PDB file of N, CA and C in Angstrom:
ATOM      1  N   MET A   1     -25.402   6.454 -20.634  1.00  0.00           N
ATOM      2  CA  MET A   1     -26.293   7.360 -19.441  1.00  0.00           C
ATOM      3  C   MET A   1     -25.718   8.542 -19.006  1.00  0.00           C
ATOM      4  N   ILE A   2     -27.053   9.154 -19.230  1.00  0.00           N
ATOM      5  CA  ILE A   2     -26.519  10.483 -18.522  1.00  0.00           C
ATOM      6  C   ILE A   2     -26.658  10.804 -17.459  1.00  0.00           C
ATOM      7  N   LEU A   3     -25.784  12.182 -16.600  1.00  0.00           N
ATOM      8  CA  LEU A   3     -26.024  11.746 -15.599  1.00  0.00           C
ATOM      9  C   LEU A   3     -26.222  13.257 -15.034  1.00  0.00           C
ATOM     10  N   SER A   4     -26.997  13.506 -14.664  1.00  0.00           N
ATOM     11  CA  SER A   4     -27.505  14.824 -13.532  1.00  0.00           C
ATOM     12  C   SER A   4     -26.381  15.433 -12.537  1.00  0.00           C
ATOM     13  N   GLN A   5     -26.839  16.612 -12.957  1.00  0.00           N
ATOM     14  CA  GLN A   5     -25.566  17.528 -11.749  1.00  0.00           C
ATOM     15  C   GLN A   5     -25.604  17.483 -10.873  1.00  0.00           C
ATOM     16  N   LYS A   6     -26.458  16.505  -9.716  1.00  0.00           N
ATOM     17  CA  LYS A   6     -25.830  16.166  -8.628  1.00  0.00           C
ATOM     18  C   LYS A   6     -24.863  15.091  -8.472  1.00  0.00           C
ATOM     19  N   GLU A   7     -25.629  14.261  -9.794  1.00  0.00           N
ATOM     20  CA  GLU A   7     -25.064  13.099  -9.718  1.00  0.00           C
ATOM     21  C   GLU A   7     -23.556  13.154  -9.824  1.00  0.00           C
ATOM     22  N   GLN A   8     -22.963  14.010 -11.212  1.00  0.00           N
ATOM     23  CA  GLN A   8     -21.858  14.005 -11.238  1.00  0.00           C
ATOM     24  C   GLN A   8     -20.936  15.175 -10.498  1.00  0.00           C
ATOM     25  N   TYR A   9     -21.852  15.410  -9.233  1.00  0.00           N
ATOM     26  CA  TYR A   9     -20.470  16.370  -8.924  1.00  0.00           C
ATOM     27  C   TYR A   9     -20.626  15.363  -7.493  1.00  0.00           C
ATOM     28  N   GLN A  10     -21.419  14.337  -7.348  1.00  0.00           N
ATOM     29  CA  GLN A  10     -21.455  13.258  -5.823  1.00  0.00           C
ATOM     30  C   GLN A  10     -20.124  12.268  -6.853  1.00  0.00           C
ATOM     31  N   GLU A  11     -20.105  11.732  -8.122  1.00  0.00           N
ATOM     32  CA  GLU A  11     -19.387  11.194  -8.925  1.00  0.00           C
ATOM     33  C   GLU A  11     -17.904  11.998  -8.641  1.00  0.00           C
ATOM     34  N   GLN A  12     -17.716  13.255  -8.767  1.00  0.00           N
ATOM     35  CA  GLN A  12     -16.332  14.073  -8.900  1.00  0.00           C
ATOM     36  C   GLN A  12     -15.712  13.863  -7.413  1.00  0.00           C
ATOM     37  N   LEU A  13     -16.869  13.705  -6.513  1.00  0.00           N
ATOM     38  CA  LEU A  13     -16.295  14.238  -5.002  1.00  0.00           C
ATOM     39  C   LEU A  13     -15.905  12.526  -4.811  1.00  0.00           C
ATOM     40  N   ASN A  14     -16.760  11.280  -5.363  1.00  0.00           N
ATOM     41  CA  ASN A  14     -15.889  10.149  -4.797  1.00  0.00           C
ATOM     42  C   ASN A  14     -14.444   9.961  -5.141  1.00  0.00           C
ATOM     43  N   GLY A  15     -14.416  10.440  -6.431  1.00  0.00           N
ATOM     44  CA  GLY A  15     -13.126  10.292  -6.858  1.00  0.00           C
ATOM     45  C   GLY A  15     -12.065  11.252  -6.351  1.00  0.00           C
ATOM     46  N   ILE A  16     -12.523  12.344  -6.017  1.00  0.00           N
ATOM     47  CA  ILE A  16     -11.549  13.263  -5.352  1.00  0.00           C
ATOM     48  C   ILE A  16     -11.194  12.637  -4.202  1.00  0.00           C
ATOM     49  N   PHE A  17     -12.358  12.077  -3.155  1.00  0.00           N
ATOM     50  CA  PHE A  17     -11.766  11.721  -1.712  1.00  0.00           C
ATOM     51  C   PHE A  17     -11.291   9.919  -1.922  1.00  0.00           C
ATOM     52  N   GLN A  18     -11.504   9.122  -2.790  1.00  0.00           N
ATOM     53  CA  GLN A  18      -9.985   8.209  -3.491  1.00  0.00           C
ATOM     54  C   GLN A  18      -9.338   8.064  -3.105  1.00  0.00           C
ATOM     55  N   ALA A  19      -9.161   9.581  -4.031  1.00  0.00           N
ATOM     56  CA  ALA A  19      -7.334   9.994  -4.653  1.00  0.00           C
ATOM     57  C   ALA A  19      -7.190  10.449  -3.022  1.00  0.00           C
ATOM     58  N   LEU A  20      -7.742  11.004  -2.237  1.00  0.00           N
ATOM     59  CA  LEU A  20      -7.119  11.912  -0.807  1.00  0.00           C
ATOM     60  C   LEU A  20      -6.694  10.453   0.038  1.00  0.00           C
ATOM     61  N   ALA A  21      -7.587   9.682  -0.361  1.00  0.00           N
ATOM     62  CA  ALA A  21      -7.154   8.736   0.749  1.00  0.00           C
ATOM     63  C   ALA A  21      -6.239   7.851   0.999  1.00  0.00           C
ATOM     64  N   ASP A  22      -5.294   8.006  -0.057  1.00  0.00           N
ATOM     65  CA  ASP A  22      -4.092   7.504   0.345  1.00  0.00           C
ATOM     66  C   ASP A  22      -3.149   8.649   1.129  1.00  0.00           C
ATOM     67  N   PRO A  23      -1.993   8.073   1.476  1.00  0.00           N
ATOM     68  CA  PRO A  23      -0.588   9.075   2.266  1.00  0.00           C
ATOM     69  C   PRO A  23       0.047   9.104   1.135  1.00  0.00           C
ATOM     70  N   THR A  24       0.569   8.287  -0.298  1.00  0.00           N
ATOM     71  CA  THR A  24       1.148   8.491  -0.830  1.00  0.00           C
ATOM     72  C   THR A  24       0.622   9.295  -1.913  1.00  0.00           C
ATOM     73  N   ARG A  25      -0.541   9.530  -2.130  1.00  0.00           N
ATOM     74  CA  ARG A  25      -1.155  10.959  -3.523  1.00  0.00           C
ATOM     75  C   ARG A  25      -1.216  11.984  -2.130  1.00  0.00           C
ATOM     76  N   ARG A  26      -1.997  11.683  -0.910  1.00  0.00           N
ATOM     77  CA  ARG A  26      -1.551  13.418  -0.273  1.00  0.00           C
ATOM     78  C   ARG A  26       0.147  14.001  -0.407  1.00  0.00           C
ATOM     79  N   ALA A  27       0.910  12.993   0.133  1.00  0.00           N
ATOM     80  CA  ALA A  27       1.890  13.528   0.049  1.00  0.00           C
ATOM     81  C   ALA A  27       2.842  14.291  -1.899  1.00  0.00           C
ATOM     82  N   VAL A  28       1.949  13.074  -2.370  1.00  0.00           N
ATOM     83  CA  VAL A  28       1.773  14.121  -3.936  1.00  0.00           C
ATOM     84  C   VAL A  28       1.214  15.646  -4.068  1.00  0.00           C
ATOM     85  N   LEU A  29      -0.050  15.494  -3.454  1.00  0.00           N
ATOM     86  CA  LEU A  29       0.004  16.338  -3.422  1.00  0.00           C
ATOM     87  C   LEU A  29       0.421  17.797  -2.532  1.00  0.00           C
ATOM     88  N   ALA A  30       0.809  17.771  -1.756  1.00  0.00           N
ATOM     89  CA  ALA A  30       1.291  18.701  -0.642  1.00  0.00           C
ATOM     90  C   ALA A  30       2.502  19.252  -1.490  1.00  0.00           C
ATOM     91  N   ARG A  31       3.761  17.910  -2.296  1.00  0.00           N
ATOM     92  CA  ARG A  31       4.577  18.247  -2.895  1.00  0.00           C
ATOM     93  C   ARG A  31       4.093  19.561  -3.919  1.00  0.00           C
ATOM     94  N   LEU A  32       3.149  19.271  -4.675  1.00  0.00           N
ATOM     95  CA  LEU A  32       2.674  19.841  -6.141  1.00  0.00           C
ATOM     96  C   LEU A  32       2.031  21.519  -5.415  1.00  0.00           C
ATOM     97  N   GLY A  33       2.311  21.430  -4.007  1.00  0.00           N
ATOM     98  CA  GLY A  33       1.394  22.923  -3.496  1.00  0.00           C
ATOM     99  C   GLY A  33       2.579  23.877  -3.621  1.00  0.00           C
ATOM    100  N   ARG A  34       3.806  23.167  -3.430  1.00  0.00           N
ATOM    101  CA  ARG A  34       5.006  24.351  -3.740  1.00  0.00           C
ATOM    102  C   ARG A  34       5.280  24.390  -5.071  1.00  0.00           C
ATOM    103  N   GLY A  35       4.748  23.377  -6.305  1.00  0.00           N
ATOM    104  CA  GLY A  35       5.108  24.594  -7.241  1.00  0.00           C
ATOM    105  C   GLY A  35       5.167  22.868  -8.666  1.00  0.00           C
ATOM    106  N   SER A  36       4.614  23.102 -10.389  1.00  0.00           N
ATOM    107  CA  SER A  36       4.528  21.710 -10.724  1.00  0.00           C
ATOM    108  C   SER A  36       6.395  21.123 -11.164  1.00  0.00           C
ATOM    109  N   ALA A  37       6.366  19.727 -10.846  1.00  0.00           N
ATOM    110  CA  ALA A  37       6.957  18.663 -10.460  1.00  0.00           C
ATOM    111  C   ALA A  37       7.397  17.743 -11.828  1.00  0.00           C
ATOM    112  N   SER A  38       8.383  17.392 -12.028  1.00  0.00           N
ATOM    113  CA  SER A  38       8.329  15.695 -13.011  1.00  0.00           C
ATOM    114  C   SER A  38       7.882  14.749 -12.345  1.00  0.00           C
ATOM    115  N   ILE A  39       7.290  13.527 -13.504  1.00  0.00           N
ATOM    116  CA  ILE A  39       7.105  12.574 -12.460  1.00  0.00           C
ATOM    117  C   ILE A  39       7.832  12.039 -11.307  1.00  0.00           C
ATOM    118  N   SER A  40       9.444  11.838 -12.294  1.00  0.00           N
ATOM    119  CA  SER A  40      10.756  11.238 -11.561  1.00  0.00           C
ATOM    120  C   SER A  40      10.595  12.617 -10.639  1.00  0.00           C
ATOM    121  N   ASP A  41      10.586  13.413 -10.126  1.00  0.00           N
ATOM    122  CA  ASP A  41      10.791  13.895  -9.004  1.00  0.00           C
ATOM    123  C   ASP A  41      10.210  13.801  -8.048  1.00  0.00           C
ATOM    124  N   LEU A  42       8.526  13.900  -8.214  1.00  0.00           N
ATOM    125  CA  LEU A  42       7.983  13.597  -7.281  1.00  0.00           C
ATOM    126  C   LEU A  42       7.804  11.807  -6.581  1.00  0.00           C
ATOM    127  N   ALA A  43       8.681  10.804  -7.200  1.00  0.00           N
ATOM    128  CA  ALA A  43       8.976  10.103  -7.520  1.00  0.00           C
ATOM    129  C   ALA A  43      10.002   9.672  -5.955  1.00  0.00           C
ATOM    130  N   LYS A  44      11.218  10.516  -6.393  1.00  0.00           N
ATOM    131  CA  LYS A  44      12.024   9.937  -5.493  1.00  0.00           C
ATOM    132  C   LYS A  44      11.742   9.558  -4.407  1.00  0.00           C
ATOM    133  N   PRO A  45      11.113  10.255  -3.326  1.00  0.00           N
ATOM    134  CA  PRO A  45      10.979  10.379  -1.983  1.00  0.00           C
ATOM    135  C   PRO A  45       9.764   8.637  -1.572  1.00  0.00           C
ATOM    136  N   PHE A  46       9.838   7.660  -2.685  1.00  0.00           N
ATOM    137  CA  PHE A  46       8.883   6.644  -2.276  1.00  0.00           C
ATOM    138  C   PHE A  46       9.550   5.718  -2.772  1.00  0.00           C
ATOM    139  N   ASP A  47       9.695   4.613  -1.518  1.00  0.00           N
ATOM    140  CA  ASP A  47      10.545   3.023  -2.067  1.00  0.00           C
ATOM    141  C   ASP A  47       9.172   2.074  -3.084  1.00  0.00           C
ATOM    142  N   MET A  48       9.230   3.060  -4.055  1.00  0.00           N
ATOM    143  CA  MET A  48       7.838   2.143  -4.643  1.00  0.00           C
ATOM    144  C   MET A  48       8.989   2.219  -6.271  1.00  0.00           C
ATOM    145  N   ALA A  49       8.563   1.308  -6.822  1.00  0.00           N
ATOM    146  CA  ALA A  49       8.753   1.244  -8.757  1.00  0.00           C
ATOM    147  C   ALA A  49       8.378   2.218  -9.373  1.00  0.00           C
ATOM    148  N   LEU A  50       8.451   2.152 -10.173  1.00  0.00           N
ATOM    149  CA  LEU A  50       7.566   3.668 -11.282  1.00  0.00           C
ATOM    150  C   LEU A  50       6.405   3.380 -11.553  1.00  0.00           C
ATOM    151  N   PRO A  51       6.112   2.039 -12.393  1.00  0.00           N
ATOM    152  CA  PRO A  51       4.852   1.950 -12.655  1.00  0.00           C
ATOM    153  C   PRO A  51       4.015   1.720 -11.119  1.00  0.00           C
ATOM    154  N   SER A  52       3.670   1.741 -10.476  1.00  0.00           N
ATOM    155  CA  SER A  52       3.685   1.327  -9.367  1.00  0.00           C
ATOM    156  C   SER A  52       2.905   3.035  -8.957  1.00  0.00           C
ATOM    157  N   PHE A  53       4.153   3.856  -9.056  1.00  0.00           N
ATOM    158  CA  PHE A  53       3.456   5.435  -8.367  1.00  0.00           C
ATOM    159  C   PHE A  53       2.759   5.488  -9.978  1.00  0.00           C
ATOM    160  N   MET A  54       2.957   5.362 -11.172  1.00  0.00           N
ATOM    161  CA  MET A  54       2.214   6.316 -12.062  1.00  0.00           C
ATOM    162  C   MET A  54       1.087   5.967 -11.526  1.00  0.00           C
ATOM    163  N   LYS A  55       0.502   4.687 -11.049  1.00  0.00           N
ATOM    164  CA  LYS A  55      -0.996   4.514 -10.888  1.00  0.00           C
ATOM    165  C   LYS A  55      -1.297   5.699  -9.875  1.00  0.00           C
ATOM    166  N   HIS A  56      -0.536   6.175  -9.040  1.00  0.00           N
ATOM    167  CA  HIS A  56      -1.176   7.018  -7.652  1.00  0.00           C
ATOM    168  C   HIS A  56      -1.276   8.508  -8.846  1.00  0.00           C
ATOM    169  N   ILE A  57      -0.329   8.374  -9.299  1.00  0.00           N
ATOM    170  CA  ILE A  57      -0.808   9.497 -10.149  1.00  0.00           C
ATOM    171  C   ILE A  57      -1.643   9.755 -12.054  1.00  0.00           C
ATOM    172  N   HIS A  58      -1.537   8.178 -11.858  1.00  0.00           N
ATOM    173  CA  HIS A  58      -3.182   8.125 -12.861  1.00  0.00           C
ATOM    174  C   HIS A  58      -4.527   8.367 -12.317  1.00  0.00           C
ATOM    175  N   LEU A  59      -4.376   7.998 -10.569  1.00  0.00           N
ATOM    176  CA  LEU A  59      -5.540   8.143  -9.669  1.00  0.00           C
ATOM    177  C   LEU A  59      -5.940   9.723  -9.701  1.00  0.00           C
ATOM    178  N   LEU A  60      -4.603  10.282  -9.304  1.00  0.00           N
ATOM    179  CA  LEU A  60      -4.954  11.883  -8.958  1.00  0.00           C
ATOM    180  C   LEU A  60      -5.165  12.886  -9.998  1.00  0.00           C
ATOM    181  N   GLU A  61      -4.829  12.182 -11.367  1.00  0.00           N
ATOM    182  CA  GLU A  61      -5.188  12.949 -12.979  1.00  0.00           C
ATOM    183  C   GLU A  61      -6.396  12.709 -13.089  1.00  0.00           C
ATOM    184  N   GLY A  62      -7.189  11.133 -12.874  1.00  0.00           N
ATOM    185  CA  GLY A  62      -8.252  11.069 -12.861  1.00  0.00           C
ATOM    186  C   GLY A  62      -9.568  12.032 -12.418  1.00  0.00           C
ATOM    187  N   SER A  63      -9.272  12.383 -11.028  1.00  0.00           N
ATOM    188  CA  SER A  63     -10.069  12.675 -10.234  1.00  0.00           C
ATOM    189  C   SER A  63      -9.823  14.318 -10.183  1.00  0.00           C
ATOM    190  N   GLY A  64      -9.245  14.841 -11.297  1.00  0.00           N
ATOM    191  CA  GLY A  64      -9.075  16.414 -11.378  1.00  0.00           C
ATOM    192  C   GLY A  64      -8.012  17.332 -10.285  1.00  0.00           C
ATOM    193  N   LEU A  65      -7.818  16.183  -9.512  1.00  0.00           N
ATOM    194  CA  LEU A  65      -7.092  17.000  -8.425  1.00  0.00           C
ATOM    195  C   LEU A  65      -5.486  17.323  -9.101  1.00  0.00           C
ATOM    196  N   ILE A  66      -4.718  17.040 -10.247  1.00  0.00           N
ATOM    197  CA  ILE A  66      -3.787  17.373 -10.661  1.00  0.00           C
ATOM    198  C   ILE A  66      -4.283  17.088 -11.913  1.00  0.00           C
ATOM    199  N   ARG A  67      -2.876  17.650 -13.291  1.00  0.00           N
ATOM    200  CA  ARG A  67      -2.959  17.876 -14.331  1.00  0.00           C
ATOM    201  C   ARG A  67      -1.531  17.531 -15.126  1.00  0.00           C
ATOM    202  N   THR A  68      -1.461  16.599 -16.194  1.00  0.00           N
ATOM    203  CA  THR A  68      -0.115  16.616 -16.517  1.00  0.00           C
ATOM    204  C   THR A  68       0.400  17.205 -17.703  1.00  0.00           C
ATOM    205  N   HIS A  69       1.196  17.142 -18.302  1.00  0.00           N
ATOM    206  CA  HIS A  69       1.696  17.540 -19.441  1.00  0.00           C
ATOM    207  C   HIS A  69       2.657  17.356 -20.060  1.00  0.00           C
ATOM    208  N   LYS A  70       3.386  16.969 -21.316  1.00  0.00           N
ATOM    209  CA  LYS A  70       4.466  16.100 -21.770  1.00  0.00           C
ATOM    210  C   LYS A  70       5.476  16.824 -22.469  1.00  0.00           C
ATOM    211  N   GLU A  71       6.738  17.225 -22.620  1.00  0.00           N
ATOM    212  CA  GLU A  71       7.386  17.769 -23.199  1.00  0.00           C
ATOM    213  C   GLU A  71       8.805  17.085 -22.891  1.00  0.00           C
ATOM    214  N   GLY A  72       8.811  16.709 -24.808  1.00  0.00           N
ATOM    215  CA  GLY A  72       9.988  15.986 -25.329  1.00  0.00           C
ATOM    216  C   GLY A  72       9.631  14.592 -23.947  1.00  0.00           C
ATOM    217  N   ARG A  73      10.559  14.462 -23.077  1.00  0.00           N
ATOM    218  CA  ARG A  73      10.532  12.881 -22.656  1.00  0.00           C
ATOM    219  C   ARG A  73      10.409  13.133 -20.692  1.00  0.00           C
ATOM    220  N   VAL A  74       9.868  14.430 -20.679  1.00  0.00           N
ATOM    221  CA  VAL A  74       9.820  14.646 -19.273  1.00  0.00           C
ATOM    222  C   VAL A  74       7.916  15.137 -19.042  1.00  0.00           C
ATOM    223  N   ARG A  75       7.509  14.068 -18.269  1.00  0.00           N
ATOM    224  CA  ARG A  75       6.285  14.466 -18.136  1.00  0.00           C
ATOM    225  C   ARG A  75       5.649  15.796 -16.664  1.00  0.00           C
ATOM    226  N   THR A  76       5.285  16.676 -16.498  1.00  0.00           N
ATOM    227  CA  THR A  76       5.344  17.229 -15.282  1.00  0.00           C
ATOM    228  C   THR A  76       3.964  17.490 -14.955  1.00  0.00           C
ATOM    229  N   CYS A  77       3.876  17.450 -13.695  1.00  0.00           N
ATOM    230  CA  CYS A  77       2.335  17.466 -12.772  1.00  0.00           C
ATOM    231  C   CYS A  77       2.684  18.651 -12.191  1.00  0.00           C
ATOM    232  N   ALA A  78       1.180  19.021 -12.219  1.00  0.00           N
ATOM    233  CA  ALA A  78       0.650  20.092 -11.705  1.00  0.00           C
ATOM    234  C   ALA A  78      -0.598  20.983 -10.724  1.00  0.00           C
ATOM    235  N   LEU A  79      -0.712  20.762  -9.880  1.00  0.00           N
ATOM    236  CA  LEU A  79      -2.214  20.911  -9.290  1.00  0.00           C
ATOM    237  C   LEU A  79      -3.353  21.423  -9.963  1.00  0.00           C
ATOM    238  N   GLU A  80      -4.860  21.086  -9.988  1.00  0.00           N
ATOM    239  CA  GLU A  80      -5.431  22.131 -10.494  1.00  0.00           C
ATOM    240  C   GLU A  80      -6.399  22.341  -9.472  1.00  0.00           C
ATOM    241  N   LYS A  81      -7.010  23.715  -9.244  1.00  0.00           N
ATOM    242  CA  LYS A  81      -7.829  24.041  -7.769  1.00  0.00           C
ATOM    243  C   LYS A  81      -9.384  23.766  -8.296  1.00  0.00           C
ATOM    244  N   LYS A  82      -9.340  23.863  -8.948  1.00  0.00           N
ATOM    245  CA  LYS A  82     -11.264  23.800  -9.231  1.00  0.00           C
ATOM    246  C   LYS A  82     -12.120  22.717  -8.479  1.00  0.00           C
ATOM    247  N   PRO A  83     -11.232  21.264  -8.545  1.00  0.00           N
ATOM    248  CA  PRO A  83     -11.603  20.557  -7.743  1.00  0.00           C
ATOM    249  C   PRO A  83     -11.468  20.514  -5.681  1.00  0.00           C
ATOM    250  N   PHE A  84     -10.935  21.642  -5.385  1.00  0.00           N
ATOM    251  CA  PHE A  84     -10.526  21.704  -3.881  1.00  0.00           C
ATOM    252  C   PHE A  84     -11.890  22.622  -3.448  1.00  0.00           C
ATOM    253  N   ALA A  85     -11.697  23.385  -4.648  1.00  0.00           N
ATOM    254  CA  ALA A  85     -12.957  24.191  -4.377  1.00  0.00           C
ATOM    255  C   ALA A  85     -14.445  22.890  -3.772  1.00  0.00           C
ATOM    256  N   ALA A  86     -14.686  22.375  -4.701  1.00  0.00           N
ATOM    257  CA  ALA A  86     -15.361  20.911  -4.647  1.00  0.00           C
ATOM    258  C   ALA A  86     -15.937  21.009  -3.311  1.00  0.00           C
ATOM    259  N   VAL A  87     -14.381  20.020  -2.345  1.00  0.00           N
ATOM    260  CA  VAL A  87     -13.987  19.271  -1.639  1.00  0.00           C
ATOM    261  C   VAL A  87     -14.698  20.155  -0.493  1.00  0.00           C
ATOM    262  N   GLU A  88     -14.079  21.797  -1.001  1.00  0.00           N
ATOM    263  CA  GLU A  88     -14.264  22.892   0.329  1.00  0.00           C
ATOM    264  C   GLU A  88     -15.842  23.499   0.128  1.00  0.00           C
ATOM    265  N   THR A  89     -16.545  23.401  -0.587  1.00  0.00           N
ATOM    266  CA  THR A  89     -18.135  23.601  -0.420  1.00  0.00           C
ATOM    267  C   THR A  89     -18.679  22.456   0.021  1.00  0.00           C
ATOM    268  N   TRP A  90     -18.177  21.360   0.210  1.00  0.00           N
ATOM    269  CA  TRP A  90     -18.955  19.862   0.481  1.00  0.00           C
ATOM    270  C   TRP A  90     -18.548  20.237   2.005  1.00  0.00           C
ATOM    271  N   LEU A  91     -17.441  20.240   2.238  1.00  0.00           N
ATOM    272  CA  LEU A  91     -17.166  19.972   3.533  1.00  0.00           C
ATOM    273  C   LEU A  91     -17.689  21.747   4.539  1.00  0.00           C
ATOM    274  N   SER A  92     -18.018  22.585   3.920  1.00  0.00           N
ATOM    275  CA  SER A  92     -18.727  23.732   4.573  1.00  0.00           C
ATOM    276  C   SER A  92     -19.704  23.654   4.735  1.00  0.00           C
ATOM    277  N   THR A  93     -21.059  22.825   3.579  1.00  0.00           N
ATOM    278  CA  THR A  93     -21.886  22.260   3.732  1.00  0.00           C
ATOM    279  C   THR A  93     -22.012  21.059   5.085  1.00  0.00           C
ATOM    280  N   GLN A  94     -21.099  20.510   4.811  1.00  0.00           N
ATOM    281  CA  GLN A  94     -21.923  19.422   6.328  1.00  0.00           C
ATOM    282  C   GLN A  94     -21.171  19.964   7.773  1.00  0.00           C
ATOM    283  N   ARG A  95     -19.924  20.920   7.277  1.00  0.00           N
ATOM    284  CA  ARG A  95     -20.433  21.479   8.758  1.00  0.00           C
ATOM    285  C   ARG A  95     -21.514  22.584   9.714  1.00  0.00           C
ATOM    286  N   VAL A  96     -21.979  22.781   8.499  1.00  0.00           N
ATOM    287  CA  VAL A  96     -22.815  23.719   9.185  1.00  0.00           C
ATOM    288  C   VAL A  96     -24.233  22.595   9.655  1.00  0.00           C
ATOM    289  N   ILE A  97     -24.205  21.984   8.397  1.00  0.00           N
ATOM    290  CA  ILE A  97     -24.956  20.233   9.163  1.00  0.00           C
ATOM    291  C   ILE A  97     -24.928  19.679  10.377  1.00  0.00           C
ATOM    292  N   TRP A  98     -23.023  19.925  10.367  1.00  0.00           N
ATOM    293  CA  TRP A  98     -23.281  19.112  12.231  1.00  0.00           C
ATOM    294  C   TRP A  98     -23.109  19.836  12.971  1.00  0.00           C
ATOM    295  N   GLU A  99     -22.925  20.832  13.030  1.00  0.00           N
ATOM    296  CA  GLU A  99     -22.690  22.144  14.111  1.00  0.00           C
ATOM    297  C   GLU A  99     -24.666  22.655  14.939  1.00  0.00           C
ATOM    298  N   GLY A 100     -25.208  22.418  13.499  1.00  0.00           N
ATOM    299  CA  GLY A 100     -26.758  22.764  14.001  1.00  0.00           C
ATOM    300  C   GLY A 100     -27.379  21.770  14.768  1.00  0.00           C
ATOM    301  N   ARG A 101     -26.521  20.717  14.240  1.00  0.00           N
ATOM    302  CA  ARG A 101     -26.849  19.174  15.257  1.00  0.00           C
ATOM    303  C   ARG A 101     -26.516  18.989  16.957  1.00  0.00           C
ATOM    304  N   THR A 102     -25.518  19.572  16.534  1.00  0.00           N
ATOM    305  CA  THR A 102     -24.702  19.545  17.794  1.00  0.00           C
ATOM    306  C   THR A 102     -25.026  20.965  18.674  1.00  0.00           C
ATOM    307  N   ASP A 103     -25.912  21.993  18.011  1.00  0.00           N
ATOM    308  CA  ASP A 103     -25.978  22.947  18.907  1.00  0.00           C
ATOM    309  C   ASP A 103     -27.793  22.546  18.981  1.00  0.00           C
ATOM    310  N   ARG A 104     -28.384  21.503  18.601  1.00  0.00           N
ATOM    311  CA  ARG A 104     -29.755  21.008  19.053  1.00  0.00           C
ATOM    312  C   ARG A 104     -29.568  20.036  20.103  1.00  0.00           C
ATOM    313  N   LEU A 105     -28.116  19.698  20.590  1.00  0.00           N
ATOM    314  CA  LEU A 105     -27.827  18.422  21.067  1.00  0.00           C
ATOM    315  C   LEU A 105     -27.810  19.226  22.291  1.00  0.00           C
ATOM    316  N   GLU A 106     -27.336  19.995  22.037  1.00  0.00           N
ATOM    317  CA  GLU A 106     -26.930  20.736  23.194  1.00  0.00           C
ATOM    318  C   GLU A 106     -27.967  21.901  24.457  1.00  0.00           C
ATOM    319  N   GLN A 107     -28.844  21.821  23.365  1.00  0.00           N
ATOM    320  CA  GLN A 107     -29.754  22.691  23.930  1.00  0.00           C
ATOM    321  C   GLN A 107     -30.251  21.760  24.760  1.00  0.00           C
ATOM    322  N   PHE A 108     -31.145  20.474  24.176  1.00  0.00           N
ATOM    323  CA  PHE A 108     -31.484  19.311  24.425  1.00  0.00           C
ATOM    324  C   PHE A 108     -31.309  19.088  25.896  1.00  0.00           C
ATOM    325  N   VAL A 109     -29.863  18.418  25.457  1.00  0.00           N
ATOM    326  CA  VAL A 109     -29.576  17.948  27.263  1.00  0.00           C
ATOM    327  C   VAL A 109     -29.533  19.630  28.048  1.00  0.00           C
ATOM    328  N   THR A 110     -29.560  20.730  27.927  1.00  0.00           N
ATOM    329  CA  THR A 110     -29.279  21.570  28.842  1.00  0.00           C
ATOM    330  C   THR A 110     -30.904  22.070  29.525  1.00  0.00           C
ATOM    331  N   ALA A 111     -31.107  22.400  28.157  1.00  0.00           N
ATOM    332  CA  ALA A 111     -33.398  21.822  28.687  1.00  0.00           C
ATOM    333  C   ALA A 111     -33.632  20.705  29.483  1.00  0.00           C
ATOM    334  N   GLY A 112     -33.397  19.655  29.387  1.00  0.00           N
ATOM    335  CA  GLY A 112     -33.890  17.611  29.758  1.00  0.00           C
ATOM    336  C   GLY A 112     -33.049  18.141  31.679  1.00  0.00           C
ATOM    337  N   HIS A 113     -31.713  19.177  31.600  1.00  0.00           N
ATOM    338  CA  HIS A 113     -30.869  19.051  33.185  1.00  0.00           C
ATOM    339  C   HIS A 113     -31.471  20.049  33.782  1.00  0.00           C
ATOM    340  N   ASP A 114     -31.756  21.152  33.231  1.00  0.00           N
ATOM    341  CA  ASP A 114     -32.943  22.300  33.987  1.00  0.00           C
ATOM    342  C   ASP A 114     -33.964  21.878  34.368  1.00  0.00           C
ATOM    343  N   LYS A 115     -35.205  20.863  33.688  1.00  0.00           N
ATOM    344  CA  LYS A 115     -36.477  20.054  34.345  1.00  0.00           C
ATOM    345  C   LYS A 115     -36.137  19.543  35.412  1.00  0.00           C
ATOM    346  N   GLU A 116     -34.502  18.657  35.378  1.00  0.00           N
ATOM    347  CA  GLU A 116     -34.533  17.474  36.454  1.00  0.00           C
ATOM    348  C   GLU A 116     -34.217  18.516  37.759  1.00  0.00           C
ATOM    349  N   ASP A 117     -33.626  19.626  37.385  1.00  0.00           N
ATOM    350  CA  ASP A 117     -32.974  20.418  38.607  1.00  0.00           C
ATOM    351  C   ASP A 117     -33.533  21.584  39.234  1.00  0.00           C
ATOM    352  N   PRO A 118     -34.460  21.126  40.060  1.00  0.00           N
ATOM    353  CA  PRO A 118     -35.470  22.156  40.405  1.00  0.00           C
ATOM    354  C   PRO A 118     -35.559  23.311  41.707  1.00  0.00           C
ATOM    355  N   GLU A 119     -33.891  24.291  40.593  1.00  0.00           N
ATOM    356  CA  GLU A 119     -33.300  24.496  42.230  1.00  0.00           C
ATOM    357  C   GLU A 119     -33.850  26.390  42.333  1.00  0.00           C
TER     358      GLU A 119
END
């Protein structure tokens, strides 16, 4: 099945927001914001088995938020910036929509209040 660009964009956003929904994955992203790190370094602060932690890494990598590469026995993770731009674009669009709606609601309420208050 071939997805349209819009469908691909929606799928990308779904994966990103799914990845961001978990506090462990958000903490990993915050740590990677300071620079690349090995899987073992990323896993240290968390009280979970490495296979469980790797599920988080795979989901982050699958969403495109991080990339990993292996040198010898060490797998290193780094942030990918492009997916964050997609989220920022989506959030900006939503902000414009909701600000417009709240502005119209405020105008409606103010106009209705002025009609009821004949001073």
